[in-house]
Protein backbone atom coordinates (compact mmCIF):
# COMPACT_ATOMS: atom_id res chain seq x y z
CA MET A 1 -70.40 79.14 -125.07
CA PRO A 2 -72.07 79.17 -122.13
CA LEU A 3 -74.81 82.19 -121.56
CA VAL A 4 -73.83 84.41 -118.62
CA ASP A 5 -75.96 83.45 -115.32
CA ALA A 6 -77.86 86.03 -113.53
CA LYS A 7 -76.40 85.83 -110.78
CA ASP A 8 -72.68 86.00 -111.78
CA PRO A 9 -71.13 88.81 -109.62
CA GLN A 10 -70.25 91.04 -113.15
CA ALA A 11 -73.58 90.70 -114.10
CA LEU A 12 -75.25 91.63 -110.26
CA ALA A 13 -72.54 94.59 -110.46
CA LEU A 14 -73.94 95.87 -114.24
CA GLY A 15 -77.19 95.23 -113.40
CA TYR A 16 -77.34 91.80 -116.17
CA VAL A 17 -80.79 90.47 -117.35
CA SER A 18 -81.90 87.88 -119.83
CA ASP A 19 -84.65 90.29 -120.36
CA ALA A 20 -84.40 93.46 -121.18
CA ALA A 21 -88.06 94.19 -119.90
CA GLN A 22 -86.93 93.27 -116.27
CA ALA A 23 -84.38 95.34 -115.56
CA ASP A 24 -84.45 97.31 -112.86
CA LYS A 25 -85.80 100.46 -113.92
CA ALA A 26 -85.81 103.10 -110.72
CA LYS A 27 -81.99 101.89 -110.10
CA TYR A 28 -80.67 101.62 -113.71
CA LYS A 29 -81.19 105.54 -114.80
CA ASN A 30 -80.12 104.62 -118.15
CA PHE A 31 -82.47 102.23 -119.63
CA VAL A 32 -83.08 103.49 -122.99
CA ALA A 33 -86.59 101.85 -123.63
CA GLY A 34 -86.08 99.51 -127.23
CA SER A 35 -82.84 98.79 -125.63
CA HIS A 36 -81.46 95.05 -125.32
CA CYS A 37 -78.21 93.27 -126.04
CA ALA A 38 -77.95 93.17 -129.64
CA ASN A 39 -77.83 96.65 -130.87
CA CYS A 40 -75.35 97.77 -128.03
CA ALA A 41 -72.18 98.76 -129.28
CA LEU A 42 -70.93 96.25 -127.17
CA PHE A 43 -72.93 93.16 -128.61
CA GLN A 44 -70.48 90.64 -130.36
CA GLY A 45 -72.73 88.69 -132.76
CA GLN A 46 -75.44 89.21 -135.41
CA ALA A 47 -78.59 91.98 -135.01
CA SER A 48 -80.05 88.00 -135.83
CA ASP A 49 -78.10 85.86 -133.39
CA THR A 50 -80.40 84.28 -130.00
CA GLU A 51 -76.84 85.39 -128.24
CA GLY A 52 -73.50 86.42 -128.47
CA GLY A 53 -70.02 87.13 -126.46
CA CYS A 54 -69.04 90.66 -124.91
CA PRO A 55 -66.58 91.91 -123.58
CA LEU A 56 -67.83 92.49 -120.27
CA PHE A 57 -68.07 88.38 -119.27
CA PRO A 58 -64.97 87.12 -120.78
CA GLY A 59 -65.81 83.52 -122.05
CA LYS A 60 -69.81 83.66 -122.11
CA HIS A 61 -72.80 84.30 -124.03
CA VAL A 62 -75.41 86.77 -122.85
CA ALA A 63 -78.96 86.87 -124.16
CA ALA A 64 -79.80 89.40 -127.38
CA LYS A 65 -82.57 90.14 -125.78
CA GLY A 66 -81.17 90.89 -122.60
CA TRP A 67 -80.05 94.33 -120.95
CA CYS A 68 -76.71 95.48 -118.70
CA SER A 69 -75.93 99.14 -117.10
CA ALA A 70 -72.63 99.37 -119.84
CA TRP A 71 -75.19 99.32 -122.70
CA ALA A 72 -73.46 101.71 -125.73
CA LYS A 73 -75.81 102.46 -128.70
CA LYS A 74 -74.20 100.94 -131.42
CA ALA A 75 -73.94 103.01 -134.03
């Protein structure tokens, strides 16, 4: 599957970046140091995968090291 483009309207709305280090920490106060897609409850890949599915971006993959404002700690 193709990776989500950071300029995709849904990606922009959620503040998605393909590298969590680039997250706008001033705008997204819920950013937690060390958070990224691979350790998000919504990530549909394995922890070792470089990319995986996310229900917020149907038909596309997100980068495992990415981040968005919907990040929720994996249980």
